[in-house]
Amino acid sequence: MKPDAQLDARGLYCPEPVMMLHNKISDVAAGQLIEVLATDPSTERDIPKFCNFLGHELVEQEQCGDEYIYLIRKGA
């Protein structure tokens, strides 16, 4: 799946990645995909909670070395 937008939060620490995601998600339409790149391990906890709380779908989550990659579909 090709994302409609990308957020590069590498090198940032809690709460910045989630705050930036909150701003970025408002830039895309419902149903579109955002790819988030992060290096903060706390995003493994924070991003799924963010999606669950705000009604977005966490489509994919993976770790590649020190990098965390998330694919999120914006909810309605």
PDB file of N, CA and C in Angstrom:
ATOM      1  N   MET A   1       0.841  -1.183   0.000  1.00  0.00           N
ATOM      2  CA  MET A   1       0.000   0.000   0.000  1.00  0.00           C
ATOM      3  C   MET A   1       0.885   1.245   0.000  1.00  0.00           C
ATOM      4  N   LYS A   2       0.536   2.166  -0.865  1.00  0.00           N
ATOM      5  CA  LYS A   2       1.306   3.397  -0.974  1.00  0.00           C
ATOM      6  C   LYS A   2       0.634   4.482  -0.124  1.00  0.00           C
ATOM      7  N   PRO A   3       1.396   5.081   0.803  1.00  0.00           N
ATOM      8  CA  PRO A   3       0.798   6.111   1.654  1.00  0.00           C
ATOM      9  C   PRO A   3       0.492   7.391   0.872  1.00  0.00           C
ATOM     10  N   ASP A   4      -0.529   8.099   1.323  1.00  0.00           N
ATOM     11  CA  ASP A   4      -0.889   9.389   0.733  1.00  0.00           C
ATOM     12  C   ASP A   4      -0.046  10.512   1.324  1.00  0.00           C
ATOM     13  N   ALA A   5       0.498  10.283   2.523  1.00  0.00           N
ATOM     14  CA  ALA A   5       1.327  11.282   3.199  1.00  0.00           C
ATOM     15  C   ALA A   5       2.334  10.556   4.078  1.00  0.00           C
ATOM     16  N   GLN A   6       3.399  11.256   4.414  1.00  0.00           N
ATOM     17  CA  GLN A   6       4.426  10.669   5.278  1.00  0.00           C
ATOM     18  C   GLN A   6       4.804  11.669   6.358  1.00  0.00           C
ATOM     19  N   LEU A   7       5.030  11.141   7.555  1.00  0.00           N
ATOM     20  CA  LEU A   7       5.500  11.950   8.678  1.00  0.00           C
ATOM     21  C   LEU A   7       6.825  11.375   9.141  1.00  0.00           C
ATOM     22  N   ASP A   8       7.859  12.168   9.062  1.00  0.00           N
ATOM     23  CA  ASP A   8       9.182  11.751   9.513  1.00  0.00           C
ATOM     24  C   ASP A   8       9.417  12.297  10.911  1.00  0.00           C
ATOM     25  N   ALA A   9       9.268  11.444  11.912  1.00  0.00           N
ATOM     26  CA  ALA A   9       9.448  11.841  13.307  1.00  0.00           C
ATOM     27  C   ALA A   9      10.720  11.216  13.891  1.00  0.00           C
ATOM     28  N   ARG A  10      11.620  10.799  13.011  1.00  0.00           N
ATOM     29  CA  ARG A  10      12.874  10.191  13.482  1.00  0.00           C
ATOM     30  C   ARG A  10      13.703  11.220  14.237  1.00  0.00           C
ATOM     31  N   GLY A  11      14.262  10.778  15.363  1.00  0.00           N
ATOM     32  CA  GLY A  11      15.086  11.653  16.187  1.00  0.00           C
ATOM     33  C   GLY A  11      14.290  12.447  17.214  1.00  0.00           C
ATOM     34  N   LEU A  12      12.963  12.337  17.188  1.00  0.00           N
ATOM     35  CA  LEU A  12      12.117  13.057  18.142  1.00  0.00           C
ATOM     36  C   LEU A  12      11.653  12.104  19.234  1.00  0.00           C
ATOM     37  N   TYR A  13      11.375  12.658  20.397  1.00  0.00           N
ATOM     38  CA  TYR A  13      10.973  11.849  21.547  1.00  0.00           C
ATOM     39  C   TYR A  13       9.611  12.288  22.075  1.00  0.00           C
ATOM     40  N   CYS A  14       8.976  11.382  22.779  1.00  0.00           N
ATOM     41  CA  CYS A  14       7.666  11.587  23.366  1.00  0.00           C
ATOM     42  C   CYS A  14       7.614  12.947  24.064  1.00  0.00           C
ATOM     43  N   PRO A  15       6.609  13.725  23.805  1.00  0.00           N
ATOM     44  CA  PRO A  15       5.361  13.466  23.065  1.00  0.00           C
ATOM     45  C   PRO A  15       5.368  13.972  21.625  1.00  0.00           C
ATOM     46  N   GLU A  16       6.512  14.437  21.130  1.00  0.00           N
ATOM     47  CA  GLU A  16       6.555  15.076  19.815  1.00  0.00           C
ATOM     48  C   GLU A  16       6.021  14.227  18.653  1.00  0.00           C
ATOM     49  N   PRO A  17       6.390  12.937  18.514  1.00  0.00           N
ATOM     50  CA  PRO A  17       5.868  12.178  17.376  1.00  0.00           C
ATOM     51  C   PRO A  17       4.339  12.132  17.317  1.00  0.00           C
ATOM     52  N   VAL A  18       3.693  11.951  18.458  1.00  0.00           N
ATOM     53  CA  VAL A  18       2.229  11.877  18.479  1.00  0.00           C
ATOM     54  C   VAL A  18       1.618  13.257  18.251  1.00  0.00           C
ATOM     55  N   MET A  19       2.245  14.293  18.775  1.00  0.00           N
ATOM     56  CA  MET A  19       1.745  15.655  18.538  1.00  0.00           C
ATOM     57  C   MET A  19       1.830  15.998  17.052  1.00  0.00           C
ATOM     58  N   MET A  20       2.925  15.623  16.426  1.00  0.00           N
ATOM     59  CA  MET A  20       3.076  15.873  14.995  1.00  0.00           C
ATOM     60  C   MET A  20       2.077  15.052  14.182  1.00  0.00           C
ATOM     61  N   LEU A  21       1.826  13.809  14.598  1.00  0.00           N
ATOM     62  CA  LEU A  21       0.846  12.967  13.923  1.00  0.00           C
ATOM     63  C   LEU A  21      -0.542  13.583  14.035  1.00  0.00           C
ATOM     64  N   HIS A  22      -0.866  14.110  15.182  1.00  0.00           N
ATOM     65  CA  HIS A  22      -2.169  14.750  15.397  1.00  0.00           C
ATOM     66  C   HIS A  22      -2.357  15.899  14.400  1.00  0.00           C
ATOM     67  N   ASN A  23      -1.320  16.685  14.172  1.00  0.00           N
ATOM     68  CA  ASN A  23      -1.391  17.786  13.203  1.00  0.00           C
ATOM     69  C   ASN A  23      -1.448  17.267  11.773  1.00  0.00           C
ATOM     70  N   LYS A  24      -0.629  16.276  11.463  1.00  0.00           N
ATOM     71  CA  LYS A  24      -0.523  15.749  10.096  1.00  0.00           C
ATOM     72  C   LYS A  24      -1.808  15.055   9.657  1.00  0.00           C
ATOM     73  N   ILE A  25      -2.457  14.363  10.569  1.00  0.00           N
ATOM     74  CA  ILE A  25      -3.649  13.596  10.206  1.00  0.00           C
ATOM     75  C   ILE A  25      -4.790  14.518   9.785  1.00  0.00           C
ATOM     76  N   SER A  26      -4.765  15.752  10.255  1.00  0.00           N
ATOM     77  CA  SER A  26      -5.802  16.701   9.849  1.00  0.00           C
ATOM     78  C   SER A  26      -5.586  17.194   8.415  1.00  0.00           C
ATOM     79  N   ASP A  27      -4.415  16.944   7.850  1.00  0.00           N
ATOM     80  CA  ASP A  27      -4.102  17.366   6.481  1.00  0.00           C
ATOM     81  C   ASP A  27      -4.578  16.389   5.411  1.00  0.00           C
ATOM     82  N   VAL A  28      -5.010  15.190   5.814  1.00  0.00           N
ATOM     83  CA  VAL A  28      -5.451  14.185   4.838  1.00  0.00           C
ATOM     84  C   VAL A  28      -6.939  13.899   5.005  1.00  0.00           C
ATOM     85  N   ALA A  29      -7.529  13.373   3.956  1.00  0.00           N
ATOM     86  CA  ALA A  29      -8.959  13.043   3.970  1.00  0.00           C
ATOM     87  C   ALA A  29      -9.188  11.691   4.648  1.00  0.00           C
ATOM     88  N   ALA A  30     -10.407  11.495   5.115  1.00  0.00           N
ATOM     89  CA  ALA A  30     -10.786  10.222   5.719  1.00  0.00           C
ATOM     90  C   ALA A  30     -10.533   9.091   4.722  1.00  0.00           C
ATOM     91  N   GLY A  31      -9.940   8.006   5.201  1.00  0.00           N
ATOM     92  CA  GLY A  31      -9.641   6.853   4.366  1.00  0.00           C
ATOM     93  C   GLY A  31      -8.247   6.874   3.763  1.00  0.00           C
ATOM     94  N   GLN A  32      -7.577   8.022   3.806  1.00  0.00           N
ATOM     95  CA  GLN A  32      -6.229   8.098   3.263  1.00  0.00           C
ATOM     96  C   GLN A  32      -5.222   7.534   4.263  1.00  0.00           C
ATOM     97  N   LEU A  33      -4.048   7.161   3.744  1.00  0.00           N
ATOM     98  CA  LEU A  33      -3.007   6.521   4.548  1.00  0.00           C
ATOM     99  C   LEU A  33      -1.865   7.481   4.857  1.00  0.00           C
ATOM    100  N   ILE A  34      -1.386   7.406   6.083  1.00  0.00           N
ATOM    101  CA  ILE A  34      -0.205   8.161   6.514  1.00  0.00           C
ATOM    102  C   ILE A  34       0.832   7.160   6.986  1.00  0.00           C
ATOM    103  N   GLU A  35       2.052   7.327   6.511  1.00  0.00           N
ATOM    104  CA  GLU A  35       3.172   6.518   6.984  1.00  0.00           C
ATOM    105  C   GLU A  35       3.953   7.354   7.985  1.00  0.00           C
ATOM    106  N   VAL A  36       4.211   6.776   9.144  1.00  0.00           N
ATOM    107  CA  VAL A  36       4.976   7.460  10.179  1.00  0.00           C
ATOM    108  C   VAL A  36       6.291   6.717  10.375  1.00  0.00           C
ATOM    109  N   LEU A  37       7.393   7.462  10.334  1.00  0.00           N
ATOM    110  CA  LEU A  37       8.722   6.920  10.605  1.00  0.00           C
ATOM    111  C   LEU A  37       9.185   7.511  11.927  1.00  0.00           C
ATOM    112  N   ALA A  38       9.601   6.663  12.851  1.00  0.00           N
ATOM    113  CA  ALA A  38      10.004   7.136  14.176  1.00  0.00           C
ATOM    114  C   ALA A  38      11.171   6.309  14.702  1.00  0.00           C
ATOM    115  N   THR A  39      11.876   6.875  15.664  1.00  0.00           N
ATOM    116  CA  THR A  39      12.968   6.160  16.324  1.00  0.00           C
ATOM    117  C   THR A  39      12.738   6.031  17.828  1.00  0.00           C
ATOM    118  N   ASP A  40      11.708   6.673  18.334  1.00  0.00           N
ATOM    119  CA  ASP A  40      11.406   6.621  19.765  1.00  0.00           C
ATOM    120  C   ASP A  40      10.613   5.349  20.080  1.00  0.00           C
ATOM    121  N   PRO A  41      11.158   4.453  20.910  1.00  0.00           N
ATOM    122  CA  PRO A  41      10.447   3.207  21.244  1.00  0.00           C
ATOM    123  C   PRO A  41       9.077   3.433  21.882  1.00  0.00           C
ATOM    124  N   SER A  42       8.854   4.570  22.512  1.00  0.00           N
ATOM    125  CA  SER A  42       7.559   4.815  23.148  1.00  0.00           C
ATOM    126  C   SER A  42       6.434   4.940  22.123  1.00  0.00           C
ATOM    127  N   THR A  43       6.771   5.132  20.843  1.00  0.00           N
ATOM    128  CA  THR A  43       5.726   5.185  19.823  1.00  0.00           C
ATOM    129  C   THR A  43       5.023   3.841  19.677  1.00  0.00           C
ATOM    130  N   GLU A  44       5.684   2.756  20.074  1.00  0.00           N
ATOM    131  CA  GLU A  44       5.044   1.431  20.021  1.00  0.00           C
ATOM    132  C   GLU A  44       3.816   1.380  20.920  1.00  0.00           C
ATOM    133  N   ARG A  45       3.821   2.176  21.953  1.00  0.00           N
ATOM    134  CA  ARG A  45       2.693   2.257  22.881  1.00  0.00           C
ATOM    135  C   ARG A  45       1.772   3.414  22.485  1.00  0.00           C
ATOM    136  N   ASP A  46       2.380   4.559  22.181  1.00  0.00           N
ATOM    137  CA  ASP A  46       1.613   5.790  21.980  1.00  0.00           C
ATOM    138  C   ASP A  46       0.805   5.831  20.689  1.00  0.00           C
ATOM    139  N   ILE A  47       1.358   5.365  19.595  1.00  0.00           N
ATOM    140  CA  ILE A  47       0.648   5.465  18.315  1.00  0.00           C
ATOM    141  C   ILE A  47      -0.569   4.530  18.265  1.00  0.00           C
ATOM    142  N   PRO A  48      -0.475   3.269  18.711  1.00  0.00           N
ATOM    143  CA  PRO A  48      -1.697   2.451  18.760  1.00  0.00           C
ATOM    144  C   PRO A  48      -2.772   3.055  19.658  1.00  0.00           C
ATOM    145  N   LYS A  49      -2.385   3.621  20.797  1.00  0.00           N
ATOM    146  CA  LYS A  49      -3.364   4.261  21.688  1.00  0.00           C
ATOM    147  C   LYS A  49      -4.001   5.472  21.017  1.00  0.00           C
ATOM    148  N   PHE A  50      -3.190   6.263  20.320  1.00  0.00           N
ATOM    149  CA  PHE A  50      -3.674   7.429  19.582  1.00  0.00           C
ATOM    150  C   PHE A  50      -4.736   6.998  18.568  1.00  0.00           C
ATOM    151  N   CYS A  51      -4.419   5.963  17.796  1.00  0.00           N
ATOM    152  CA  CYS A  51      -5.349   5.472  16.768  1.00  0.00           C
ATOM    153  C   CYS A  51      -6.644   4.957  17.390  1.00  0.00           C
ATOM    154  N   ASN A  52      -6.513   4.169  18.421  1.00  0.00           N
ATOM    155  CA  ASN A  52      -7.679   3.599  19.088  1.00  0.00           C
ATOM    156  C   ASN A  52      -8.568   4.692  19.679  1.00  0.00           C
ATOM    157  N   PHE A  53      -7.965   5.667  20.330  1.00  0.00           N
ATOM    158  CA  PHE A  53      -8.708   6.728  20.999  1.00  0.00           C
ATOM    159  C   PHE A  53      -9.435   7.629  19.999  1.00  0.00           C
ATOM    160  N   LEU A  54      -8.796   7.899  18.848  1.00  0.00           N
ATOM    161  CA  LEU A  54      -9.371   8.853  17.891  1.00  0.00           C
ATOM    162  C   LEU A  54     -10.059   8.195  16.694  1.00  0.00           C
ATOM    163  N   GLY A  55     -10.126   6.867  16.682  1.00  0.00           N
ATOM    164  CA  GLY A  55     -10.878   6.176  15.640  1.00  0.00           C
ATOM    165  C   GLY A  55     -10.165   6.021  14.312  1.00  0.00           C
ATOM    166  N   HIS A  56      -8.843   5.980  14.340  1.00  0.00           N
ATOM    167  CA  HIS A  56      -8.062   5.735  13.133  1.00  0.00           C
ATOM    168  C   HIS A  56      -7.619   4.270  13.134  1.00  0.00           C
ATOM    169  N   GLU A  57      -7.354   3.737  11.948  1.00  0.00           N
ATOM    170  CA  GLU A  57      -6.957   2.331  11.848  1.00  0.00           C
ATOM    171  C   GLU A  57      -5.441   2.202  11.724  1.00  0.00           C
ATOM    172  N   LEU A  58      -4.850   1.459  12.638  1.00  0.00           N
ATOM    173  CA  LEU A  58      -3.427   1.137  12.540  1.00  0.00           C
ATOM    174  C   LEU A  58      -3.327  -0.067  11.611  1.00  0.00           C
ATOM    175  N   VAL A  59      -3.014   0.193  10.353  1.00  0.00           N
ATOM    176  CA  VAL A  59      -3.010  -0.833   9.315  1.00  0.00           C
ATOM    177  C   VAL A  59      -1.794  -1.736   9.441  1.00  0.00           C
ATOM    178  N   GLU A  60      -0.663  -1.128   9.757  1.00  0.00           N
ATOM    179  CA  GLU A  60       0.588  -1.880   9.811  1.00  0.00           C
ATOM    180  C   GLU A  60       1.538  -1.225  10.814  1.00  0.00           C
ATOM    181  N   GLN A  61       2.301  -2.072  11.497  1.00  0.00           N
ATOM    182  CA  GLN A  61       3.293  -1.598  12.465  1.00  0.00           C
ATOM    183  C   GLN A  61       4.477  -2.547  12.381  1.00  0.00           C
ATOM    184  N   GLU A  62       5.673  -1.996  12.167  1.00  0.00           N
ATOM    185  CA  GLU A  62       6.853  -2.854  12.118  1.00  0.00           C
ATOM    186  C   GLU A  62       8.077  -2.117  12.639  1.00  0.00           C
ATOM    187  N   GLN A  63       9.043  -2.897  13.051  1.00  0.00           N
ATOM    188  CA  GLN A  63      10.318  -2.352  13.505  1.00  0.00           C
ATOM    189  C   GLN A  63      11.392  -2.850  12.552  1.00  0.00           C
ATOM    190  N   CYS A  64      12.204  -1.923  12.097  1.00  0.00           N
ATOM    191  CA  CYS A  64      13.291  -2.233  11.171  1.00  0.00           C
ATOM    192  C   CYS A  64      14.564  -1.652  11.785  1.00  0.00           C
ATOM    193  N   GLY A  65      15.316  -2.484  12.514  1.00  0.00           N
ATOM    194  CA  GLY A  65      16.480  -1.971  13.231  1.00  0.00           C
ATOM    195  C   GLY A  65      16.036  -1.040  14.344  1.00  0.00           C
ATOM    196  N   ASP A  66      16.541   0.190  14.319  1.00  0.00           N
ATOM    197  CA  ASP A  66      16.167   1.188  15.328  1.00  0.00           C
ATOM    198  C   ASP A  66      14.993   2.058  14.878  1.00  0.00           C
ATOM    199  N   GLU A  67      14.381   1.691  13.770  1.00  0.00           N
ATOM    200  CA  GLU A  67      13.317   2.511  13.211  1.00  0.00           C
ATOM    201  C   GLU A  67      11.972   1.815  13.343  1.00  0.00           C
ATOM    202  N   TYR A  68      10.959   2.595  13.670  1.00  0.00           N
ATOM    203  CA  TYR A  68       9.589   2.095  13.794  1.00  0.00           C
ATOM    204  C   TYR A  68       8.778   2.697  12.659  1.00  0.00           C
ATOM    205  N   ILE A  69       8.010   1.850  11.974  1.00  0.00           N
ATOM    206  CA  ILE A  69       7.248   2.285  10.815  1.00  0.00           C
ATOM    207  C   ILE A  69       5.779   1.933  11.052  1.00  0.00           C
ATOM    208  N   TYR A  70       4.923   2.924  10.866  1.00  0.00           N
ATOM    209  CA  TYR A  70       3.488   2.753  11.082  1.00  0.00           C
ATOM    210  C   TYR A  70       2.745   3.196   9.830  1.00  0.00           C
ATOM    211  N   LEU A  71       1.698   2.477   9.492  1.00  0.00           N
ATOM    212  CA  LEU A  71       0.807   2.860   8.411  1.00  0.00           C
ATOM    213  C   LEU A  71      -0.568   3.020   9.030  1.00  0.00           C
ATOM    214  N   ILE A  72      -1.102   4.225   8.925  1.00  0.00           N
ATOM    215  CA  ILE A  72      -2.351   4.582   9.596  1.00  0.00           C
ATOM    216  C   ILE A  72      -3.374   5.052   8.565  1.00  0.00           C
ATOM    217  N   ARG A  73      -4.589   4.509   8.648  1.00  0.00           N
ATOM    218  CA  ARG A  73      -5.683   4.970   7.790  1.00  0.00           C
ATOM    219  C   ARG A  73      -6.557   5.907   8.637  1.00  0.00           C
ATOM    220  N   LYS A  74      -6.739   7.124   8.117  1.00  0.00           N
ATOM    221  CA  LYS A  74      -7.536   8.108   8.854  1.00  0.00           C
ATOM    222  C   LYS A  74      -8.992   7.667   8.913  1.00  0.00           C
ATOM    223  N   GLY A  75      -9.561   7.753  10.089  1.00  0.00           N
ATOM    224  CA  GLY A  75     -10.963   7.416  10.295  1.00  0.00           C
ATOM    225  C   GLY A  75     -11.878   8.539   9.831  1.00  0.00           C
ATOM    226  N   ALA A  76     -13.163   8.295   9.900  1.00  0.00           N
ATOM    227  CA  ALA A  76     -14.153   9.272   9.423  1.00  0.00           C
ATOM    228  C   ALA A  76     -14.203  10.526  10.240  1.00  0.00           C
TER     229      ALA A  76
END
